[in-house]
């Protein structure tokens, strides 16, 4: 049995009697240098993370029959090493003994109800992921990467129109604590303690429109950089509804253009994955910019020509969107073949040739075929009229 024990900056003194005895009785003690330093030297063999998790796990695998204890920060299953341990050894072989984690401690220091706070991490992850959660009045708790992260986050807030937001860096909670607080726009660049959690109370600048968007699909076109190759917002909202983003599922956005479909899939369900397939190098670069600005830098961009490039994607999709190139030989069939059972394929067409391909595909595989007609009001001299956008024929089919 492997025990994973959450330990804070107060070391053994902060553990429950049960957790402390588990640590003291360990024959093999595993953890980072900071955690291991909190346990006095004894008879236990010590293994650290210097070679990475998998190397340490290989060593643990050899300790069958010994009392193995892995030390982790606070709650090991909240952005901690616990998930990696369970993934490697299985839940039945692991016992988790959590302690108060950084989020609980930070919420207590700030007096914030934890259930009303968005808890994030940028430890080893892109800072741009915070963009997804920016909204006036929102409270964020962010696990930091190092002592420079609060300053970088403050700069990001200013750039997004949230300069008045209050930023608090809480360092070494549970030990020799430090606290530094200022608005994002007055934050100075000096470094804080590397071990810190950042509390942010989002406040929009009065003189600027904050760069914050709803996570409901159908963002306006000007939320994106694009060259005109973008699914219009009304059609995009319908398309995402038929794609049905779900946690843990994978989308292929084939012929991604601006990346809008893959981006809004991830914004709607952050615990999913998406691949944006685009043949044009310039558009692929724009997709990366759009994904970062809209808070989903995890979007994977595949540059190449479909259907050939699709074989390079090892992860099979639960949903596929085709926004262009529907009439390309073999493309629909390749996407359908790759799709997991129960998956959804949605394809939009604006040309007669593409419509014919969708009709033929529906005759063979079924699904719903609808035509979307959108008109937008526009000025004509001193008056206004409705100007129609290109009609879109949409096929939505579930793979049985």
Protein backbone atom coordinates (compact mmCIF):
# COMPACT_ATOMS: atom_id res chain seq x y z
CA UNK A 1 0.00 0.00 0.00
CA UNK A 2 1.20 3.49 -0.87
CA UNK A 3 0.24 6.38 1.41
CA UNK A 4 0.20 9.90 0.01
CA UNK A 5 0.34 12.39 2.87
CA UNK A 6 -0.41 16.07 2.45
CA UNK A 7 2.00 18.20 4.46
CA UNK A 8 2.14 21.96 4.93
CA UNK A 9 4.84 24.48 5.75
CA UNK A 10 4.34 23.68 9.45
CA UNK A 11 5.74 20.19 8.82
CA UNK A 12 5.02 17.26 11.12
CA UNK A 13 3.45 19.52 13.74
CA UNK A 14 0.60 20.32 11.36
CA UNK A 15 -0.31 16.68 10.67
CA UNK A 16 -3.08 14.74 12.34
CA UNK A 17 -1.89 12.02 14.76
CA UNK A 18 -2.76 9.32 12.20
CA UNK A 19 -0.92 11.03 9.33
CA UNK A 20 2.11 11.74 11.53
CA UNK A 21 2.39 8.10 12.59
CA UNK A 22 2.15 7.00 8.94
CA UNK A 23 5.09 9.29 8.09
CA UNK A 24 7.14 8.25 11.12
CA UNK A 25 6.61 4.54 10.35
CA UNK A 26 7.58 4.85 6.68
CA UNK A 27 10.25 2.53 5.29
CA UNK A 28 10.44 4.52 2.05
CA UNK A 29 9.87 8.28 2.01
CA UNK A 30 9.26 10.01 -1.32
CA UNK A 31 8.90 13.71 -2.13
CA UNK A 32 10.48 16.93 -3.21
CA UNK A 33 13.43 18.39 -1.35
CA UNK A 34 11.21 20.95 0.45
CA UNK A 35 8.85 18.28 1.76
CA UNK A 36 11.55 15.79 2.68
CA UNK A 37 13.38 18.48 4.67
CA UNK A 38 10.39 18.73 7.01
CA UNK A 39 10.90 15.14 8.25
CA UNK A 40 13.94 14.43 10.46
CA UNK A 41 16.40 11.86 9.13
CA UNK A 42 15.61 8.32 10.17
CA UNK A 43 15.80 4.78 8.88
CA UNK A 44 13.56 5.37 5.88
CA UNK A 45 15.06 5.21 2.40
CA UNK A 46 14.51 8.57 0.65
CA UNK A 47 13.56 9.08 -3.01
CA UNK A 48 13.13 12.53 -4.53
CA UNK A 49 11.63 13.88 -7.76
CA UNK A 50 14.92 14.98 -9.34
CA UNK A 51 14.59 12.49 -12.17
CA UNK A 52 10.89 13.20 -12.68
CA UNK A 53 7.75 11.45 -11.49
CA UNK A 54 8.06 8.37 -13.69
CA UNK A 55 11.63 7.64 -12.62
CA UNK A 56 10.61 7.89 -8.96
CA UNK A 57 7.55 5.71 -9.62
CA UNK A 58 9.80 3.07 -11.19
CA UNK A 59 11.80 3.01 -7.93
CA UNK A 60 8.60 2.77 -5.87
CA UNK A 61 7.52 -0.18 -8.03
CA UNK A 62 10.56 -2.08 -6.75
CA UNK A 63 9.57 -1.51 -3.09
CA UNK A 64 6.74 -4.05 -3.06
CA UNK A 65 5.86 -5.01 0.52
CA UNK A 66 7.47 -1.94 2.08
CA UNK A 67 5.66 0.94 3.75
CA UNK A 68 5.92 3.68 1.11
CA UNK A 69 4.90 7.25 1.99
CA UNK A 70 4.78 10.02 -0.61
CA UNK A 71 4.79 13.57 0.75
CA UNK A 72 2.77 16.17 -1.15
CA UNK A 73 1.61 19.74 -0.72
CA UNK A 74 -1.66 20.11 1.19
CA UNK A 75 -4.41 18.28 -0.67
CA UNK A 76 -2.57 15.85 -2.98
CA UNK A 77 -5.54 15.48 -5.35
CA UNK A 78 -6.05 19.22 -5.90
CA UNK A 79 -3.51 20.02 -8.65
CA UNK A 80 -1.10 17.81 -6.70
CA UNK A 81 0.97 14.68 -7.22
CA UNK A 82 -1.84 12.44 -5.95
CA UNK A 83 -3.49 12.20 -9.36
CA UNK A 84 -0.22 11.00 -10.93
CA UNK A 85 0.22 8.38 -8.21
CA UNK A 86 -3.32 7.04 -8.65
CA UNK A 87 -2.91 7.01 -12.43
CA UNK A 88 0.26 4.92 -12.15
CA UNK A 89 -0.62 2.50 -9.34
CA UNK A 90 -4.44 2.48 -9.27
CA UNK A 91 -6.79 3.86 -6.62
CA UNK A 92 -7.04 0.51 -4.80
CA UNK A 93 -3.28 0.60 -4.06
CA UNK A 94 -3.19 4.17 -2.77
CA UNK A 95 -4.43 5.85 0.41
CA UNK A 96 -4.64 9.66 0.38
CA UNK A 97 -4.30 11.57 3.66
CA UNK A 98 -4.92 15.24 2.77
CA UNK A 99 -4.08 18.36 4.75
CA UNK A 100 -5.47 21.88 4.18
CA UNK A 101 -4.34 22.88 0.69
CA UNK A 102 -3.26 26.23 -0.70
CA UNK A 103 -6.77 27.10 -1.83
CA UNK A 104 -8.30 26.44 1.60
CA UNK A 105 -5.53 28.37 3.33
CA UNK A 106 -5.74 31.30 0.90
CA UNK A 107 -9.53 31.48 1.17
CA UNK A 108 -9.17 31.54 4.96
CA UNK A 109 -6.59 34.34 4.81
CA UNK A 110 -8.80 36.38 2.48
CA UNK A 111 -12.09 35.59 4.22
CA UNK A 112 -13.57 34.33 0.94
CA UNK A 113 -16.12 31.49 0.77
CA UNK A 114 -14.22 28.84 -1.14
CA UNK A 115 -17.34 27.65 -2.99
CA UNK A 116 -17.67 31.12 -4.57
CA UNK A 117 -14.08 31.32 -5.82
CA UNK A 118 -12.54 30.08 -9.09
CA UNK A 119 -9.48 27.95 -8.22
CA UNK A 120 -6.78 27.79 -10.90
CA UNK A 121 -3.16 26.85 -11.35
CA UNK A 122 -0.43 28.31 -13.55
CA UNK A 123 2.23 26.09 -11.97
CA UNK A 124 3.88 24.62 -15.05
CA UNK A 125 1.02 25.91 -17.22
CA UNK A 126 0.47 28.90 -19.45
CA UNK A 127 -0.46 32.12 -17.66
CA UNK A 128 -2.88 32.86 -20.52
CA UNK A 129 -5.25 30.22 -19.11
CA UNK A 130 -6.33 32.86 -16.58
CA UNK A 131 -7.95 34.83 -19.43
CA UNK A 132 -10.81 32.34 -19.53
CA UNK A 133 -11.91 33.34 -16.03
CA UNK A 134 -11.70 37.15 -16.14
CA UNK A 135 -15.00 38.87 -15.45
CA UNK A 136 -15.98 41.89 -13.32
CA UNK A 137 -16.65 40.89 -9.72
CA UNK A 138 -15.06 37.46 -10.03
CA UNK A 139 -12.65 36.16 -7.40
CA UNK A 140 -9.73 33.96 -8.37
CA UNK A 141 -7.22 31.91 -6.40
CA UNK A 142 -4.20 31.02 -8.53
CA UNK A 143 -1.41 28.60 -7.66
CA UNK A 144 1.77 30.39 -8.73
CA UNK A 145 4.76 29.14 -10.69
CA UNK A 146 7.38 31.28 -8.89
CA UNK A 147 8.03 34.64 -7.26
CA UNK A 148 7.65 36.54 -10.53
CA UNK A 149 4.19 35.16 -11.33
CA UNK A 150 2.19 37.77 -9.34
CA UNK A 151 3.85 40.59 -11.29
CA UNK A 152 3.21 38.85 -14.61
CA UNK A 153 -0.41 38.24 -13.67
CA UNK A 154 -0.81 41.89 -12.67
CA UNK A 155 0.50 42.93 -16.11
CA UNK A 156 -1.95 40.56 -17.80
CA UNK A 157 -4.84 42.06 -15.83
CA UNK A 158 -3.87 45.59 -16.87
CA UNK A 159 -3.63 44.54 -20.52
CA UNK A 160 -7.10 43.02 -20.35
CA UNK A 161 -8.73 46.13 -18.87
CA UNK A 162 -8.72 44.95 -15.25
CA UNK A 163 -6.10 47.36 -13.87
CA UNK A 164 -8.02 48.23 -10.65
CA UNK A 165 -8.23 44.54 -9.66
CA UNK A 166 -6.80 43.77 -6.24
CA UNK A 167 -3.91 41.32 -6.32
CA UNK A 168 -2.69 39.63 -3.13
CA UNK A 169 0.36 37.34 -3.05
CA UNK A 170 0.20 34.99 -0.05
CA UNK A 171 3.61 33.43 0.57
CA UNK A 172 4.66 30.38 2.64
CA UNK A 173 1.19 29.88 4.12
CA UNK A 174 1.33 27.79 7.27
CA UNK A 175 4.99 28.68 7.85
CA UNK A 176 6.82 32.01 7.88
CA UNK A 177 3.97 33.75 6.06
CA UNK A 178 4.26 36.84 3.91
CA UNK A 179 1.55 38.94 2.28
CA UNK A 180 1.74 41.59 -0.38
CA UNK A 181 -1.27 43.40 -1.80
CA UNK A 182 -1.79 46.11 -4.43
CA UNK A 183 -3.96 46.86 -7.42
CA UNK A 184 -2.76 45.31 -10.67
CA UNK A 185 -1.98 48.75 -12.13
CA UNK A 186 0.17 49.79 -9.16
CA UNK A 187 1.93 46.44 -8.70
CA UNK A 188 5.70 46.81 -8.84
CA UNK A 189 8.02 44.24 -10.35
CA UNK A 190 9.93 43.06 -7.29
CA UNK A 191 9.92 39.33 -6.67
CA UNK A 192 7.91 37.72 -3.87
CA UNK A 193 8.38 34.31 -2.20
CA UNK A 194 8.52 31.51 -4.77
CA UNK A 195 5.96 29.49 -2.79
CA UNK A 196 2.92 31.70 -3.18
CA UNK A 197 -0.76 31.65 -4.03
CA UNK A 198 -2.34 34.67 -5.69
CA UNK A 199 -5.77 36.03 -4.77
CA UNK A 200 -7.40 38.27 -7.39
CA UNK A 201 -10.59 40.29 -7.04
CA UNK A 202 -11.46 41.30 -10.61
CA UNK A 203 -12.41 44.95 -11.07
CA UNK A 204 -12.81 46.47 -14.54
CA UNK A 205 -11.27 49.83 -15.36
CA UNK A 206 -13.92 52.54 -15.78
CA UNK A 207 -12.21 54.08 -18.78
CA UNK A 208 -11.82 50.81 -20.69
CA UNK A 209 -14.04 47.99 -21.89
CA UNK A 210 -12.60 44.89 -20.21
CA UNK A 211 -11.43 42.08 -22.46
CA UNK A 212 -13.83 39.54 -20.98
CA UNK A 213 -16.27 37.30 -22.79
CA UNK A 214 -19.07 34.94 -21.82
CA UNK A 215 -18.29 31.24 -22.02
CA UNK A 216 -21.58 30.64 -23.83
CA UNK A 217 -20.80 29.77 -27.50
CA UNK A 218 -21.34 32.42 -30.12
CA UNK A 219 -18.74 35.10 -29.40
CA UNK A 220 -18.78 38.09 -31.76
CA UNK A 221 -16.41 37.92 -34.71
CA UNK A 222 -14.34 40.81 -33.32
CA UNK A 223 -13.35 38.64 -30.36
CA UNK A 224 -11.00 36.97 -32.85
CA UNK A 225 -8.23 37.93 -35.20
CA UNK A 226 -9.25 36.54 -38.59
CA UNK A 227 -9.05 37.07 -42.35
CA UNK A 228 -12.74 36.44 -42.96
CA UNK A 229 -12.45 32.66 -42.59
CA UNK A 230 -14.60 32.41 -39.49
CA UNK A 231 -17.93 30.78 -38.77
CA UNK A 232 -20.39 33.59 -38.05
CA UNK A 233 -21.47 33.84 -34.43
CA UNK A 234 -25.11 32.77 -34.96
CA UNK A 235 -24.07 29.71 -36.98
CA UNK A 236 -21.26 29.02 -34.50
CA UNK A 237 -23.70 28.90 -31.58
CA UNK A 238 -25.87 26.37 -33.45
CA UNK A 239 -22.80 24.37 -34.45
CA UNK A 240 -21.48 24.10 -30.87
CA UNK A 241 -24.93 23.03 -29.68
CA UNK A 242 -24.83 20.12 -32.14
CA UNK A 243 -21.22 19.23 -31.29
CA UNK A 244 -22.21 19.04 -27.59
CA UNK A 245 -18.98 19.73 -25.63
CA UNK A 246 -18.59 17.24 -22.77
CA UNK A 247 -15.92 16.78 -20.10
CA UNK A 248 -13.08 14.50 -21.11
CA UNK A 249 -14.08 14.40 -24.78
CA UNK A 250 -12.05 15.35 -27.85
CA UNK A 251 -12.92 17.61 -30.78
CA UNK A 252 -11.28 17.76 -34.18
CA UNK A 253 -11.88 21.15 -35.85
CA UNK A 254 -10.84 20.39 -39.43
CA UNK A 255 -10.11 23.43 -41.57
CA UNK A 256 -10.03 25.57 -38.45
CA UNK A 257 -9.55 29.03 -40.02
CA UNK A 258 -9.54 31.34 -36.99
CA UNK A 259 -9.87 28.44 -34.54
CA UNK A 260 -13.21 29.72 -33.25
CA UNK A 261 -14.99 26.35 -33.03
CA UNK A 262 -12.18 24.61 -31.15
CA UNK A 263 -11.70 27.62 -28.88
CA UNK A 264 -15.37 27.85 -27.94
CA UNK A 265 -15.55 24.06 -27.43
CA UNK A 266 -12.78 24.41 -24.79
CA UNK A 267 -14.30 27.55 -23.27
CA UNK A 268 -17.63 25.75 -22.86
CA UNK A 269 -15.98 22.65 -21.34
CA UNK A 270 -12.41 23.34 -20.09
CA UNK A 271 -11.94 19.70 -19.06
CA UNK A 272 -12.08 18.56 -22.67
CA UNK A 273 -9.50 18.62 -25.48
CA UNK A 274 -9.50 20.04 -28.98
CA UNK A 275 -7.32 19.82 -32.08
CA UNK A 276 -7.43 22.60 -34.67
CA UNK A 277 -6.33 21.33 -38.10
CA UNK A 278 -5.29 24.10 -40.48
CA UNK A 279 -3.19 23.94 -43.67
CA UNK A 280 -2.30 27.64 -43.83
CA UNK A 281 0.71 28.55 -41.65
CA UNK A 282 -0.41 32.16 -41.16
CA UNK A 283 -3.85 31.09 -39.99
CA UNK A 284 -2.30 28.49 -37.69
CA UNK A 285 -0.29 31.28 -36.01
CA UNK A 286 -3.45 33.37 -35.65
CA UNK A 287 -5.26 30.42 -34.06
CA UNK A 288 -2.54 30.25 -31.39
CA UNK A 289 -2.94 33.96 -30.66
CA UNK A 290 -6.73 33.67 -30.44
CA UNK A 291 -6.55 30.63 -28.17
CA UNK A 292 -4.20 32.37 -25.72
CA UNK A 293 -6.19 35.61 -25.62
CA UNK A 294 -9.45 33.74 -25.03
CA UNK A 295 -7.99 31.62 -22.23
CA UNK A 296 -7.55 28.20 -23.84
CA UNK A 297 -3.81 27.90 -24.69
CA UNK A 298 -4.22 24.12 -24.37
CA UNK A 299 -5.77 24.02 -27.87
CA UNK A 300 -3.55 21.75 -29.98
CA UNK A 301 -2.82 23.12 -33.46
CA UNK A 302 -2.06 20.65 -36.26
CA UNK A 303 -0.64 22.28 -39.37
CA UNK A 304 -1.20 20.32 -42.55
CA UNK A 305 -3.60 19.27 -45.29
CA UNK A 306 -6.61 17.11 -44.44
CA UNK A 307 -7.46 14.32 -44.83
CA UNK A 308 -3.81 13.20 -45.03
CA UNK A 309 -2.67 14.98 -41.87
CA UNK A 310 -5.46 13.43 -39.79
CA UNK A 311 -3.56 10.16 -39.46
CA UNK A 312 -0.91 12.06 -37.45
CA UNK A 313 -3.42 12.71 -34.64
CA UNK A 314 -3.20 9.78 -32.23
CA UNK A 315 -6.22 10.81 -30.14
CA UNK A 316 -9.47 9.82 -31.82
CA UNK A 317 -12.31 12.35 -31.69
CA UNK A 318 -15.68 12.28 -29.97
CA UNK A 319 -16.77 15.18 -32.15
CA UNK A 320 -15.64 16.46 -35.55
CA UNK A 321 -16.43 19.78 -37.17
CA UNK A 322 -15.92 20.47 -40.87
CA UNK A 323 -16.37 24.13 -41.69
CA UNK A 324 -14.76 24.05 -45.11
CA UNK A 325 -13.48 21.62 -47.68
CA UNK A 326 -16.53 19.38 -47.33
CA UNK A 327 -16.39 18.56 -51.04
CA UNK A 328 -12.70 17.52 -50.84
CA UNK A 329 -12.41 13.85 -51.91
CA UNK A 330 -12.33 11.48 -48.95
CA UNK A 331 -12.48 14.14 -46.22
CA UNK A 332 -15.94 13.37 -44.86
CA UNK A 333 -15.24 9.65 -44.98
CA UNK A 334 -11.88 9.99 -43.19
CA UNK A 335 -13.45 12.03 -40.39
CA UNK A 336 -16.34 9.58 -40.07
CA UNK A 337 -13.98 6.61 -39.90
CA UNK A 338 -11.87 8.27 -37.18
CA UNK A 339 -14.88 9.26 -35.08
CA UNK A 340 -15.44 7.25 -31.88
CA UNK A 341 -18.74 5.36 -31.56
CA UNK A 342 -21.39 7.69 -30.20
CA UNK A 343 -19.46 10.66 -31.58
CA UNK A 344 -20.95 13.63 -33.39
CA UNK A 345 -20.00 14.88 -36.84
CA UNK A 346 -21.14 18.36 -37.83
CA UNK A 347 -20.38 19.77 -41.28
CA UNK A 348 -21.32 23.17 -42.72
CA UNK A 349 -21.59 23.91 -46.43
CA UNK A 350 -22.17 27.10 -48.41
CA UNK A 351 -21.57 25.88 -51.99
CA UNK A 352 -23.87 23.72 -54.11
CA UNK A 353 -21.12 21.11 -54.54
CA UNK A 354 -20.63 20.87 -50.77
CA UNK A 355 -24.38 20.62 -50.22
CA UNK A 356 -24.52 17.71 -52.65
CA UNK A 357 -21.80 15.92 -50.69
CA UNK A 358 -23.73 16.40 -47.44
CA UNK A 359 -26.93 15.09 -49.01
CA UNK A 360 -25.15 12.01 -50.33
CA UNK A 361 -23.52 11.43 -46.95
CA UNK A 362 -26.87 11.78 -45.16
CA UNK A 363 -28.46 9.26 -47.54
CA UNK A 364 -25.82 6.72 -46.49
CA UNK A 365 -25.32 7.46 -42.78
CA UNK A 366 -28.39 9.42 -41.69
CA UNK A 367 -28.45 12.52 -39.51
CA UNK A 368 -30.18 15.89 -39.59
CA UNK A 369 -29.82 18.26 -42.53
CA UNK A 370 -30.89 21.87 -41.91
CA UNK A 371 -30.46 25.20 -43.66
CA UNK A 372 -29.53 28.25 -41.58
CA UNK A 373 -30.46 31.66 -42.93
CA UNK A 374 -29.24 34.71 -40.98
CA UNK A 375 -29.87 38.38 -41.76
CA UNK A 376 -28.31 41.29 -39.92
CA UNK A 377 -29.63 44.84 -39.81
CA UNK A 378 -27.39 47.31 -41.64
CA UNK A 379 -27.70 51.01 -42.56
CA UNK A 380 -28.87 52.06 -45.99
CA UNK A 381 -28.43 55.81 -46.20
CA UNK A 382 -30.42 57.27 -43.32
CA UNK A 383 -32.45 54.08 -42.85
CA UNK A 384 -31.74 50.42 -42.16
CA UNK A 385 -32.50 47.12 -43.78
CA UNK A 386 -31.68 43.46 -43.21
CA UNK A 387 -28.77 42.11 -45.21
CA UNK A 388 -28.66 38.31 -45.54
CA UNK A 389 -25.48 36.37 -44.84
CA UNK A 390 -24.62 33.35 -46.96
CA UNK A 391 -26.99 30.49 -46.27
CA UNK A 392 -25.38 27.57 -44.47
CA UNK A 393 -26.48 23.97 -44.91
CA UNK A 394 -25.60 21.94 -41.86
CA UNK A 395 -25.37 18.19 -41.43
CA UNK A 396 -25.33 16.79 -37.88
CA UNK A 397 -25.04 13.03 -37.47
CA UNK A 398 -24.26 10.71 -34.54
CA UNK A 399 -22.16 7.62 -35.18
CA UNK A 400 -24.09 4.64 -33.84
